[in-house]
Amino acid sequence: MFNNSSIKTSLIIVTYNWVEALELLLLSLKNQTIKPTELLISDDGSTEETKKLIDKFRTEFDFPIIHVWHEDNGFRKTVILNKTIKKCTGDYIIQIDGDCIMNRYFIEDHIKARRNSCFIHGSRVLLNENFSKEVLSQKITEFPSYIAKSKNNMNAFRSPILSSVYMSKSTSLKSTRGCNFSFWKEDMLKVNGYNEAMIGWGLEDTELSARLINLGCKKIKLKHLGLQYHIFHPEKSKEGFNVNEEILDKTTQNQVIVTPNGIYKQKELEKNNHLTAIIPTFNEEKNIKEAIENLSFADEILIIDSFSTDKTIEIAKQFKVKILQRKFDNFSSQKNYAISQAQNNWILMLDADERLTTKAINEIVRTLNKKNIADAFWMHRQNYFLGKKISFSGWQNDKVIKLFNRTKAKYNGKLVHEEIECSGKTAFLKSKLLHYTYREKEDYKKKIELYAKLKSEELFKQNIKPIAYHFYFKPVYRFVYHYIFKLGFLDGKSGFTIAKINAYGVKKRYDDLKKRYESSNQ
């Protein structure tokens, strides 16, 4: 997923009243091997001169440039960054300070190094005072692999091989710098961005990193890749540093994840609709880890397990999830029980083999933060069978309610093919849900046999008795329905297998029903 070209990347440049440095940074952006989807200038109150420079460069790039500005009222980097992040449309965000120059591979290196549930901090080359003056006067944007006129010249050596020695996932707060920083926007929204209580220079990026780590993210140290060259300037005033240090200490000691004074303020946070994601499981050791990671944006993850006999629970315990175990009687009952145990009214019910795309996650988060929304949401589902995308076979119009408010919706009590019944308003999410169904034919066959057993129990309770029509006509019709009427033949061998196993399931249903009546008459 991390190298998926469909993932949008936003570049944020933080600046304040230094057009000469900003111009060099923008010139280095022109040389990048990979360009961002959009550029956002996060401006902490610069004068008109900065705006003129930005306007000049608008015509030189084929991507949008958004100038996010607020009035100069002291050092308020956290405030302007939150405003900027909120405006980003990219899935992934790369952040750099306006007093740095990018190596031509800077953006490409960050994109290639990104991983799910991780953020990246890179190093920098500190140009000395005299060389910085030369760089500014001559508008130098390309540098050799060894710079004698720097304090840490080894950082100027770009080497993917050497970088792999240093690159690792950690929870260390050492060398956490906002000047060479990248992260997933969805992770940033989960922790509510920068803490705006940190006014003045210092530690705002470290405190943010601490909350990302508390969330469960890991830090990737990027060395000898993602190079940037820092232009010398006198140190900023450290007024307020002690206050920022106290805030950082509280964040680490209390394992704070969400700041109440970030992108959204406390009152806005209280209005947000919190979400519980529920995953029903039975022997899902192959899927459970990825399923939990996919739902990490939820406020609560709840596992309702039917006493799995494999490593499902052992794997789930490695994450911050709530685990319930309950003897399975039927799907509706199992899911309704889990819903009753959730902390929140908004429920997202996903099977262990279903996945949300980044686009779907962002849409759900945006939807829940809106006012006057529907009470339940349908999602179209794209199915995969034996690893192959299925476009027909009766699965082409598959849609299910996955997101709902439990005060207005619950499962209808059917033993099999359970559905949500909603007493309120329903709507559709635009994003599709990915459903990676059965890896083996035997897995699908076992599931169909379970469905057949539950369905026969349902028919038995309705006093429906099987006749020749059920045994001979209905299985044949089910095969023809999936393979011919629903164009299953266009899905090739997979379409034939789906039609065949569904026909088998119908016969199995009535065979089981017949046995129930025979047993009751004895």
Protein backbone atom coordinates (compact mmCIF):
# COMPACT_ATOMS: atom_id res chain seq x y z
CA MET A 1 0.00 0.00 0.00
CA PHE A 2 2.79 2.47 0.89
CA ASN A 3 4.06 2.71 -2.69
CA ASN A 4 0.60 2.91 -4.22
CA SER A 5 0.72 5.67 -6.83
CA SER A 6 -2.95 6.46 -6.18
CA ILE A 7 -2.07 7.77 -2.71
CA LYS A 8 -2.09 11.56 -2.74
CA THR A 9 0.88 13.35 -1.16
CA SER A 10 0.73 16.87 0.29
CA LEU A 11 3.89 18.90 0.92
CA ILE A 12 3.78 21.49 3.73
CA ILE A 13 6.40 24.25 3.92
CA VAL A 14 6.48 26.21 7.19
CA THR A 15 7.68 29.79 6.74
CA TYR A 16 7.93 33.19 8.40
CA ASN A 17 9.39 36.32 6.78
CA TRP A 18 12.43 34.85 5.02
CA VAL A 19 11.72 35.05 1.29
CA GLU A 20 15.34 34.44 0.26
CA ALA A 21 15.36 31.02 1.95
CA LEU A 22 11.82 30.20 0.81
CA GLU A 23 12.79 30.96 -2.78
CA LEU A 24 15.64 28.43 -2.65
CA LEU A 25 13.33 25.80 -1.16
CA LEU A 26 10.80 26.38 -3.95
CA LEU A 27 13.58 26.17 -6.55
CA SER A 28 14.65 22.83 -5.09
CA LEU A 29 11.04 21.68 -5.36
CA LYS A 30 11.26 22.22 -9.14
CA ASN A 31 14.08 19.64 -9.27
CA GLN A 32 12.27 16.89 -7.34
CA THR A 33 12.13 13.46 -9.00
CA ILE A 34 8.57 13.06 -7.70
CA LYS A 35 6.29 16.08 -7.30
CA PRO A 36 3.60 16.34 -4.61
CA THR A 37 -0.12 16.35 -5.35
CA GLU A 38 -0.33 19.79 -3.77
CA LEU A 39 1.86 22.32 -1.97
CA LEU A 40 0.69 24.16 1.14
CA ILE A 41 2.66 27.13 2.50
CA SER A 42 2.06 27.29 6.26
CA ASP A 43 2.75 30.97 6.99
CA ASP A 44 3.02 32.20 10.59
CA GLY A 45 2.26 35.82 9.66
CA SER A 46 4.73 36.91 6.96
CA THR A 47 4.48 40.24 5.14
CA GLU A 48 3.23 40.88 1.60
CA GLU A 49 6.69 40.07 0.22
CA THR A 50 6.16 36.36 0.92
CA LYS A 51 2.79 36.38 -0.80
CA LYS A 52 4.33 37.94 -3.92
CA LEU A 53 7.00 35.24 -4.06
CA ILE A 54 4.38 32.49 -3.75
CA ASP A 55 2.25 34.06 -6.49
CA LYS A 56 5.32 34.17 -8.74
CA PHE A 57 5.85 30.40 -8.37
CA ARG A 58 2.19 29.47 -8.95
CA THR A 59 2.75 29.58 -12.71
CA GLU A 60 5.86 27.40 -12.50
CA PHE A 61 4.19 24.29 -11.05
CA ASP A 62 1.44 22.08 -12.47
CA PHE A 63 0.01 21.32 -9.00
CA PRO A 64 -1.98 23.67 -6.74
CA ILE A 65 -0.25 25.96 -4.23
CA ILE A 66 -2.32 26.89 -1.17
CA HIS A 67 -1.08 29.77 0.97
CA VAL A 68 -2.37 29.33 4.54
CA TRP A 69 -1.72 32.54 6.48
CA HIS A 70 -2.69 34.08 9.79
CA GLU A 71 -1.85 37.38 11.44
CA ASP A 72 1.57 37.78 13.04
CA ASN A 73 0.96 37.46 16.77
CA GLY A 74 4.19 35.91 17.98
CA PHE A 75 5.54 32.40 17.43
CA ARG A 76 2.39 30.32 16.74
CA LYS A 77 3.76 27.52 14.61
CA THR A 78 1.42 24.91 16.12
CA VAL A 79 -1.64 26.99 15.30
CA ILE A 80 -0.79 27.66 11.65
CA LEU A 81 0.28 24.05 11.11
CA ASN A 82 -3.05 22.75 12.39
CA LYS A 83 -4.89 25.11 10.04
CA THR A 84 -2.73 23.86 7.18
CA ILE A 85 -3.09 20.14 7.96
CA LYS A 86 -6.86 20.57 8.09
CA LYS A 87 -6.78 21.93 4.52
CA CYS A 88 -4.61 19.11 3.14
CA THR A 89 -6.37 16.79 0.69
CA GLY A 90 -3.48 14.32 0.54
CA ASP A 91 -3.48 10.95 2.30
CA TYR A 92 0.20 11.39 3.19
CA ILE A 93 1.85 14.64 4.33
CA ILE A 94 5.51 15.64 4.12
CA GLN A 95 6.54 18.63 6.26
CA ILE A 96 9.65 20.79 5.88
CA ASP A 97 10.76 24.13 7.32
CA GLY A 98 11.20 27.13 5.04
CA ASP A 99 14.87 27.56 6.01
CA CYS A 100 15.86 24.26 4.39
CA ILE A 101 16.68 23.15 0.84
CA MET A 102 15.61 19.75 -0.46
CA ASN A 103 17.84 17.21 -2.09
CA ARG A 104 16.28 16.29 -5.45
CA TYR A 105 15.21 12.87 -4.07
CA PHE A 106 13.71 14.30 -0.87
CA ILE A 107 10.03 13.64 -1.67
CA GLU A 108 10.75 10.33 -3.42
CA ASP A 109 12.72 9.06 -0.40
CA HIS A 110 9.89 9.89 2.01
CA ILE A 111 7.31 8.23 -0.23
CA LYS A 112 9.36 5.04 -0.60
CA ALA A 113 10.06 4.85 3.13
CA ARG A 114 6.49 5.35 4.32
CA ARG A 115 4.72 2.48 6.06
CA ASN A 116 1.27 2.05 7.55
CA SER A 117 0.94 3.19 11.18
CA CYS A 118 4.36 4.87 11.04
CA PHE A 119 5.73 8.40 10.83
CA ILE A 120 9.15 9.49 9.58
CA HIS A 121 11.74 11.86 11.00
CA GLY A 122 14.77 12.61 8.84
CA SER A 123 18.10 14.28 9.54
CA ARG A 124 19.55 17.50 8.14
CA VAL A 125 22.84 18.96 6.98
CA LEU A 126 23.71 22.09 9.00
CA LEU A 127 25.36 24.58 6.65
CA ASN A 128 27.72 26.95 8.45
CA GLU A 129 27.21 30.71 8.55
CA ASN A 130 29.63 31.73 5.81
CA PHE A 131 28.58 29.01 3.39
CA SER A 132 24.91 29.87 4.05
CA LYS A 133 25.57 33.42 2.92
CA GLU A 134 27.18 32.05 -0.24
CA VAL A 135 24.21 29.71 -0.84
CA LEU A 136 21.73 32.58 -0.49
CA SER A 137 23.64 35.02 -2.69
CA GLN A 138 24.34 32.50 -5.47
CA LYS A 139 21.00 30.65 -5.11
CA ILE A 140 22.65 27.26 -4.75
CA THR A 141 20.19 24.34 -4.57
CA GLU A 142 22.40 21.38 -5.54
CA PHE A 143 25.05 20.06 -3.14
CA PRO A 144 27.80 17.41 -3.27
CA SER A 145 27.85 14.24 -1.13
CA TYR A 146 30.43 15.78 1.16
CA ILE A 147 30.11 19.38 2.35
CA ALA A 148 33.14 20.64 4.24
CA LYS A 149 31.31 23.83 5.14
CA SER A 150 28.81 22.07 7.42
CA LYS A 151 28.77 20.89 11.02
CA ASN A 152 27.63 17.34 10.21
CA ASN A 153 28.87 16.65 6.68
CA MET A 154 28.25 12.88 6.83
CA ASN A 155 24.50 13.62 6.70
CA ALA A 156 25.05 14.91 3.15
CA PHE A 157 25.91 11.42 1.89
CA ARG A 158 22.86 9.83 0.25
CA SER A 159 22.94 6.04 0.20
CA PRO A 160 19.87 3.73 0.13
CA ILE A 161 22.13 0.81 1.20
CA LEU A 162 23.64 2.67 4.16
CA SER A 163 20.22 4.06 5.08
CA SER A 164 18.84 0.52 5.44
CA VAL A 165 21.35 -0.05 8.26
CA TYR A 166 19.91 2.83 10.28
CA MET A 167 16.28 2.49 9.24
CA SER A 168 14.13 0.79 11.86
CA LYS A 169 10.79 1.19 13.58
CA SER A 170 11.05 2.48 17.14
CA THR A 171 9.25 4.35 19.90
CA SER A 172 12.20 6.62 20.66
CA LEU A 173 11.66 10.39 20.81
CA LYS A 174 15.30 11.09 20.02
CA SER A 175 15.90 13.31 16.96
CA THR A 176 12.22 14.11 16.38
CA ARG A 177 12.32 17.14 14.11
CA GLY A 178 9.40 18.85 12.40
CA CYS A 179 11.73 20.27 9.75
CA ASN A 180 12.06 16.82 8.11
CA PHE A 181 8.87 15.00 9.00
CA SER A 182 6.19 12.95 7.24
CA PHE A 183 3.03 11.18 8.41
CA TRP A 184 -0.38 9.85 7.39
CA LYS A 185 -3.12 12.45 7.67
CA GLU A 186 -5.50 9.93 9.24
CA ASP A 187 -2.98 9.33 12.06
CA MET A 188 -2.61 13.07 12.56
CA LEU A 189 -6.38 13.49 12.84
CA LYS A 190 -6.56 10.69 15.42
CA VAL A 191 -4.22 12.57 17.76
CA ASN A 192 -5.85 15.92 16.79
CA GLY A 193 -2.72 17.49 15.36
CA TYR A 194 -0.26 19.78 17.13
CA ASN A 195 -0.90 20.91 20.70
CA GLU A 196 -1.65 24.63 20.43
CA ALA A 197 -0.92 25.11 24.14
CA MET A 198 2.72 24.93 23.07
CA ILE A 199 3.36 28.56 22.14
CA GLY A 200 6.95 29.56 21.55
CA TRP A 201 9.91 27.68 20.16
CA GLY A 202 10.74 24.10 20.99
CA LEU A 203 9.45 20.52 21.54
CA GLU A 204 6.12 20.90 19.70
CA ASP A 205 7.23 18.25 17.19
CA THR A 206 8.50 15.95 19.96
CA GLU A 207 5.22 16.21 21.88
CA LEU A 208 3.26 15.40 18.72
CA SER A 209 5.52 12.41 18.07
CA ALA A 210 4.92 11.19 21.64
CA ARG A 211 1.15 11.17 21.06
CA LEU A 212 1.54 9.35 17.74
CA ILE A 213 3.59 6.71 19.58
CA ASN A 214 0.95 6.52 22.33
CA LEU A 215 -1.58 5.92 19.54
CA GLY A 216 0.41 2.86 18.47
CA CYS A 217 2.43 4.33 15.61
CA LYS A 218 6.14 3.70 15.21
CA LYS A 219 8.86 6.18 14.30
CA ILE A 220 11.05 5.50 11.26
CA LYS A 221 14.46 7.16 11.40
CA LEU A 222 15.48 8.29 7.92
CA LYS A 223 19.24 8.77 7.64
CA HIS A 224 21.24 9.07 4.40
CA LEU A 225 17.91 9.45 2.59
CA GLY A 226 15.46 12.36 2.47
CA LEU A 227 18.38 14.79 2.63
CA GLN A 228 17.84 18.47 3.39
CA TYR A 229 20.25 21.33 3.86
CA HIS A 230 19.57 23.75 6.72
CA ILE A 231 20.50 27.39 6.09
CA PHE A 232 22.23 28.98 9.06
CA HIS A 233 20.38 31.61 11.11
CA PRO A 234 20.67 32.86 14.70
CA GLU A 235 18.81 30.70 17.25
CA LYS A 236 15.26 31.74 18.00
CA SER A 237 14.24 32.87 21.45
CA LYS A 238 13.61 29.96 23.81
CA GLU A 239 10.95 31.86 25.72
CA GLY A 240 8.24 29.40 26.72
CA PHE A 241 10.54 26.37 26.40
CA ASN A 242 10.03 25.38 30.06
CA VAL A 243 6.25 25.41 29.64
CA ASN A 244 6.53 23.25 26.53
CA GLU A 245 8.82 20.87 28.41
CA GLU A 246 6.18 20.45 31.14
CA ILE A 247 3.50 19.67 28.54
CA LEU A 248 5.77 17.06 26.93
CA ASP A 249 6.42 15.43 30.33
CA LYS A 250 2.67 15.15 31.01
CA THR A 251 2.07 13.69 27.55
CA THR A 252 4.65 10.95 28.04
CA GLN A 253 3.79 10.21 31.69
CA ASN A 254 0.00 10.09 31.15
CA GLN A 255 0.17 8.38 27.73
CA VAL A 256 -1.90 11.20 26.19
CA ILE A 257 -3.10 10.48 22.63
CA VAL A 258 -5.54 13.26 21.74
CA THR A 259 -4.82 16.87 22.60
CA PRO A 260 -7.97 18.86 23.45
CA ASN A 261 -6.35 21.96 21.98
CA GLY A 262 -5.47 20.86 18.47
CA ILE A 263 -7.02 20.83 15.00
CA TYR A 264 -10.39 20.48 16.72
CA LYS A 265 -10.98 22.21 20.04
CA GLN A 266 -12.55 20.54 23.10
CA LYS A 267 -16.12 21.60 22.29
CA GLU A 268 -15.77 20.30 18.75
CA LEU A 269 -14.33 17.01 20.01
CA GLU A 270 -17.29 16.52 22.33
CA LYS A 271 -19.64 16.90 19.36
CA ASN A 272 -17.81 14.24 17.35
CA ASN A 273 -19.47 10.87 17.02
CA HIS A 274 -17.17 8.28 18.55
CA LEU A 275 -16.91 4.95 16.78
CA THR A 276 -16.66 1.31 17.86
CA ALA A 277 -15.42 -1.15 15.23
CA ILE A 278 -16.58 -4.74 15.74
CA ILE A 279 -14.93 -7.81 14.20
CA PRO A 280 -16.75 -11.18 14.57
CA THR A 281 -14.20 -14.02 14.52
CA PHE A 282 -13.78 -17.76 14.50
CA ASN A 283 -10.37 -19.15 13.54
CA GLU A 284 -9.23 -15.99 11.75
CA GLU A 285 -5.50 -16.16 12.54
CA LYS A 286 -4.68 -15.42 8.88
CA ASN A 287 -6.74 -12.22 8.83
CA ILE A 288 -7.04 -10.78 12.34
CA LYS A 289 -3.77 -8.80 12.50
CA GLU A 290 -4.42 -6.92 9.25
CA ALA A 291 -8.10 -6.46 10.16
CA ILE A 292 -7.22 -4.77 13.47
CA GLU A 293 -4.56 -2.57 11.88
CA ASN A 294 -7.05 -1.52 9.19
CA LEU A 295 -9.48 -0.33 11.89
CA SER A 296 -6.94 1.48 14.09
CA PHE A 297 -8.67 4.81 13.39
CA ALA A 298 -11.71 3.73 15.46
CA ASP A 299 -12.10 4.91 19.06
CA GLU A 300 -12.70 1.32 20.18
CA ILE A 301 -12.10 -2.06 18.54
CA LEU A 302 -14.15 -4.96 19.85
CA ILE A 303 -13.53 -8.61 18.93
CA ILE A 304 -16.52 -10.97 19.34
CA ASP A 305 -15.00 -14.44 19.11
CA SER A 306 -16.80 -17.79 18.92
CA PHE A 307 -14.07 -19.62 20.91
CA SER A 308 -11.49 -19.90 18.15
CA THR A 309 -9.21 -22.94 18.29
CA ASP A 310 -6.31 -21.34 16.38
CA LYS A 311 -4.12 -18.31 17.27
CA THR A 312 -6.80 -15.65 16.64
CA ILE A 313 -7.04 -14.55 20.30
CA GLU A 314 -3.29 -14.80 20.88
CA ILE A 315 -2.67 -12.40 17.96
CA ALA A 316 -5.53 -10.06 18.94
CA LYS A 317 -4.11 -9.67 22.47
CA GLN A 318 -1.05 -7.98 20.97
CA PHE A 319 -3.25 -4.95 20.21
CA LYS A 320 -5.31 -2.51 22.27
CA VAL A 321 -8.65 -4.20 21.64
CA LYS A 322 -11.54 -5.44 23.75
CA ILE A 323 -12.05 -9.20 23.39
CA LEU A 324 -15.33 -10.98 24.09
CA GLN A 325 -15.85 -14.72 23.73
CA ARG A 326 -19.32 -16.16 23.33
CA LYS A 327 -20.63 -19.49 22.13
CA PHE A 328 -21.94 -19.12 18.58
CA ASP A 329 -25.67 -19.70 18.10
CA ASN A 330 -26.33 -17.57 15.00
CA PHE A 331 -24.95 -14.51 13.24
CA SER A 332 -27.65 -12.04 14.29
CA SER A 333 -27.48 -12.98 17.94
CA GLN A 334 -23.69 -12.88 18.01
CA LYS A 335 -23.49 -9.45 16.40
CA ASN A 336 -26.33 -7.92 18.42
CA TYR A 337 -24.62 -9.08 21.61
CA ALA A 338 -21.36 -7.40 20.56
CA ILE A 339 -23.23 -4.19 19.71
CA SER A 340 -24.72 -4.13 23.22
CA GLN A 341 -21.20 -4.30 24.71
CA ALA A 342 -19.78 -1.39 22.70
CA GLN A 343 -18.82 1.89 24.40
CA ASN A 344 -20.15 4.02 21.56
CA ASN A 345 -23.41 4.34 19.67
CA TRP A 346 -21.80 4.45 16.24
CA ILE A 347 -20.87 0.96 15.09
CA LEU A 348 -18.72 -0.20 12.17
CA MET A 349 -19.24 -3.95 11.67
CA LEU A 350 -16.54 -5.57 9.52
CA ASP A 351 -15.69 -9.22 8.98
CA ALA A 352 -12.04 -10.22 9.41
CA ASP A 353 -11.65 -10.63 5.64
CA GLU A 354 -13.01 -7.15 4.80
CA ARG A 355 -10.80 -4.09 4.34
CA LEU A 356 -11.39 -0.35 4.13
CA THR A 357 -9.35 1.69 1.67
CA THR A 358 -7.70 4.92 2.85
CA LYS A 359 -10.38 6.76 0.89
CA ALA A 360 -13.14 4.85 2.75
CA ILE A 361 -11.56 5.55 6.15
CA ASN A 362 -11.33 9.27 5.40
CA GLU A 363 -14.95 9.30 4.20
CA ILE A 364 -16.17 7.60 7.39
CA VAL A 365 -14.23 10.04 9.60
CA ARG A 366 -15.57 13.04 7.65
CA THR A 367 -19.12 11.66 7.72
CA LEU A 368 -19.15 11.13 11.47
CA ASN A 369 -17.91 14.68 12.04
CA LYS A 370 -20.83 16.17 10.11
CA LYS A 371 -24.14 17.30 11.54
CA ASN A 372 -27.57 15.82 10.74
CA ILE A 373 -26.26 12.65 9.11
CA ALA A 374 -28.20 9.47 8.31
CA ASP A 375 -28.58 6.71 10.92
CA ALA A 376 -27.10 3.91 8.81
CA PHE A 377 -24.86 3.76 5.75
CA TRP A 378 -24.73 1.24 2.93
CA MET A 379 -21.43 0.33 1.29
CA HIS A 380 -20.95 -1.33 -2.10
CA ARG A 381 -18.63 -4.30 -1.76
CA GLN A 382 -15.96 -5.45 -4.21
CA ASN A 383 -15.50 -9.19 -3.76
CA TYR A 384 -12.43 -11.34 -4.38
CA PHE A 385 -12.61 -15.15 -4.57
CA LEU A 386 -9.54 -17.41 -4.45
CA GLY A 387 -7.49 -14.24 -4.93
CA LYS A 388 -9.35 -13.17 -8.08
CA LYS A 389 -11.57 -10.10 -8.47
CA ILE A 390 -15.18 -11.16 -9.11
CA SER A 391 -17.15 -8.88 -11.41
CA PHE A 392 -20.24 -11.03 -11.99
CA SER A 393 -21.65 -14.32 -10.59
CA GLY A 394 -24.39 -12.48 -8.67
CA TRP A 395 -21.83 -10.56 -6.60
CA GLN A 396 -21.68 -7.49 -8.86
CA ASN A 397 -24.37 -5.54 -6.99
CA ASP A 398 -23.32 -6.61 -3.50
CA LYS A 399 -24.13 -3.97 -0.91
CA VAL A 400 -24.36 -4.07 2.88
CA ILE A 401 -24.99 -1.72 5.78
CA LYS A 402 -21.72 -1.58 7.69
CA LEU A 403 -21.84 1.76 9.52
CA PHE A 404 -24.84 2.54 11.75
CA ASN A 405 -26.09 4.15 14.93
CA ARG A 406 -27.18 1.40 17.32
CA THR A 407 -29.95 3.57 18.75
CA LYS A 408 -31.72 3.29 15.38
CA ALA A 409 -30.45 0.00 13.93
CA LYS A 410 -29.86 -3.65 14.80
CA TYR A 411 -29.66 -7.06 13.12
CA ASN A 412 -33.03 -8.54 12.19
CA GLY A 413 -32.71 -11.88 13.99
CA LYS A 414 -32.29 -14.08 10.93
CA LEU A 415 -30.10 -17.07 11.65
CA VAL A 416 -28.26 -16.65 8.34
CA HIS A 417 -27.89 -13.80 5.83
CA GLU A 418 -28.65 -11.44 8.69
CA GLU A 419 -29.36 -7.82 7.77
CA ILE A 420 -29.51 -4.50 9.55
CA GLU A 421 -32.97 -3.13 10.14
CA CYS A 422 -32.93 0.64 10.54
CA SER A 423 -35.80 2.67 11.93
CA GLY A 424 -34.20 5.92 10.78
CA LYS A 425 -32.68 7.37 7.64
CA THR A 426 -30.19 5.45 5.49
CA ALA A 427 -27.65 6.68 2.94
CA PHE A 428 -24.75 5.39 0.84
CA LEU A 429 -21.03 5.92 1.35
CA LYS A 430 -19.25 6.54 -1.95
CA SER A 431 -16.20 4.40 -1.16
CA LYS A 432 -16.23 0.66 -1.81
CA LEU A 433 -15.49 -2.00 0.79
CA LEU A 434 -12.97 -4.66 -0.25
CA HIS A 435 -13.98 -8.23 0.58
CA TYR A 436 -11.23 -10.83 0.32
CA THR A 437 -13.36 -13.92 0.66
CA TYR A 438 -12.16 -17.49 0.63
CA ARG A 439 -8.56 -18.43 -0.12
CA GLU A 440 -9.49 -22.10 -0.67
CA LYS A 441 -12.54 -23.77 -2.19
CA GLU A 442 -12.88 -25.90 0.95
CA ASP A 443 -13.23 -22.75 3.11
CA TYR A 444 -16.14 -21.53 0.98
CA LYS A 445 -17.72 -24.98 1.02
CA LYS A 446 -17.56 -25.12 4.85
CA LYS A 447 -19.15 -21.67 5.11
CA ILE A 448 -21.93 -22.69 2.70
CA GLU A 449 -22.53 -25.83 4.79
CA LEU A 450 -22.87 -23.69 7.93
CA TYR A 451 -25.32 -21.42 6.13
CA ALA A 452 -27.26 -24.48 4.95
CA LYS A 453 -27.49 -25.81 8.50
CA LEU A 454 -28.72 -22.49 9.92
CA LYS A 455 -31.16 -21.97 7.06
CA SER A 456 -32.63 -25.45 7.51
CA GLU A 457 -33.13 -24.65 11.19
CA GLU A 458 -34.99 -21.50 10.19
CA LEU A 459 -37.20 -23.41 7.71
CA PHE A 460 -37.90 -26.12 10.30
CA LYS A 461 -39.16 -23.52 12.76
CA GLN A 462 -41.47 -22.22 9.97
CA ASN A 463 -42.86 -25.76 9.46
CA ILE A 464 -41.72 -25.86 5.84
CA LYS A 465 -41.32 -29.47 4.67
CA PRO A 466 -38.99 -30.43 1.80
CA ILE A 467 -40.45 -31.93 -1.38
CA ALA A 468 -38.99 -33.16 -4.68
CA TYR A 469 -39.03 -29.57 -6.03
CA HIS A 470 -36.52 -28.55 -3.35
CA PHE A 471 -34.14 -31.44 -3.99
CA TYR A 472 -34.06 -31.45 -7.79
CA PHE A 473 -35.19 -28.12 -9.21
CA LYS A 474 -33.84 -25.55 -6.73
CA PRO A 475 -30.15 -26.65 -6.79
CA VAL A 476 -30.15 -26.68 -10.61
CA TYR A 477 -31.84 -23.29 -10.71
CA ARG A 478 -29.28 -21.87 -8.26
CA PHE A 479 -26.43 -22.99 -10.53
CA VAL A 480 -28.11 -21.50 -13.63
CA TYR A 481 -28.90 -18.31 -11.73
CA HIS A 482 -25.27 -17.63 -10.76
CA TYR A 483 -23.57 -18.99 -13.86
CA ILE A 484 -25.96 -17.90 -16.64
CA PHE A 485 -28.38 -15.21 -15.46
CA LYS A 486 -25.75 -13.40 -13.36
CA LEU A 487 -23.04 -13.93 -16.00
CA GLY A 488 -20.83 -16.11 -13.83
CA PHE A 489 -19.27 -17.60 -16.95
CA LEU A 490 -17.55 -14.25 -17.49
CA ASP A 491 -15.65 -14.82 -14.23
CA GLY A 492 -14.10 -17.95 -15.72
CA LYS A 493 -13.25 -20.90 -13.50
CA SER A 494 -14.02 -18.89 -10.36
CA GLY A 495 -17.54 -18.18 -11.66
CA PHE A 496 -18.14 -21.89 -12.27
CA THR A 497 -16.90 -22.75 -8.76
CA ILE A 498 -19.14 -20.13 -7.14
CA ALA A 499 -22.21 -21.39 -9.03
CA LYS A 500 -21.42 -25.03 -8.26
CA ILE A 501 -20.86 -24.54 -4.51
CA ASN A 502 -23.99 -22.37 -4.18
CA ALA A 503 -26.03 -25.16 -5.87
CA TYR A 504 -24.45 -27.65 -3.47
CA GLY A 505 -25.46 -25.39 -0.54
CA VAL A 506 -29.11 -25.41 -1.60
CA LYS A 507 -29.17 -29.23 -1.80
CA LYS A 508 -27.36 -29.47 1.54
CA ARG A 509 -29.98 -27.17 3.12
CA TYR A 510 -32.88 -29.44 2.20
CA ASP A 511 -30.96 -32.63 2.99
CA ASP A 512 -30.44 -31.24 6.49
CA LEU A 513 -34.08 -30.14 6.73
CA LYS A 514 -35.20 -33.66 5.78
CA LYS A 515 -33.03 -35.12 8.56
CA ARG A 516 -34.56 -32.73 11.09
CA TYR A 517 -38.06 -33.96 10.25
CA GLU A 518 -36.94 -37.59 10.35
CA SER A 519 -35.42 -37.06 13.78
CA SER A 520 -38.55 -35.31 15.09
CA ASN A 521 -40.76 -38.22 13.97
CA GLN A 522 -38.74 -40.84 15.80
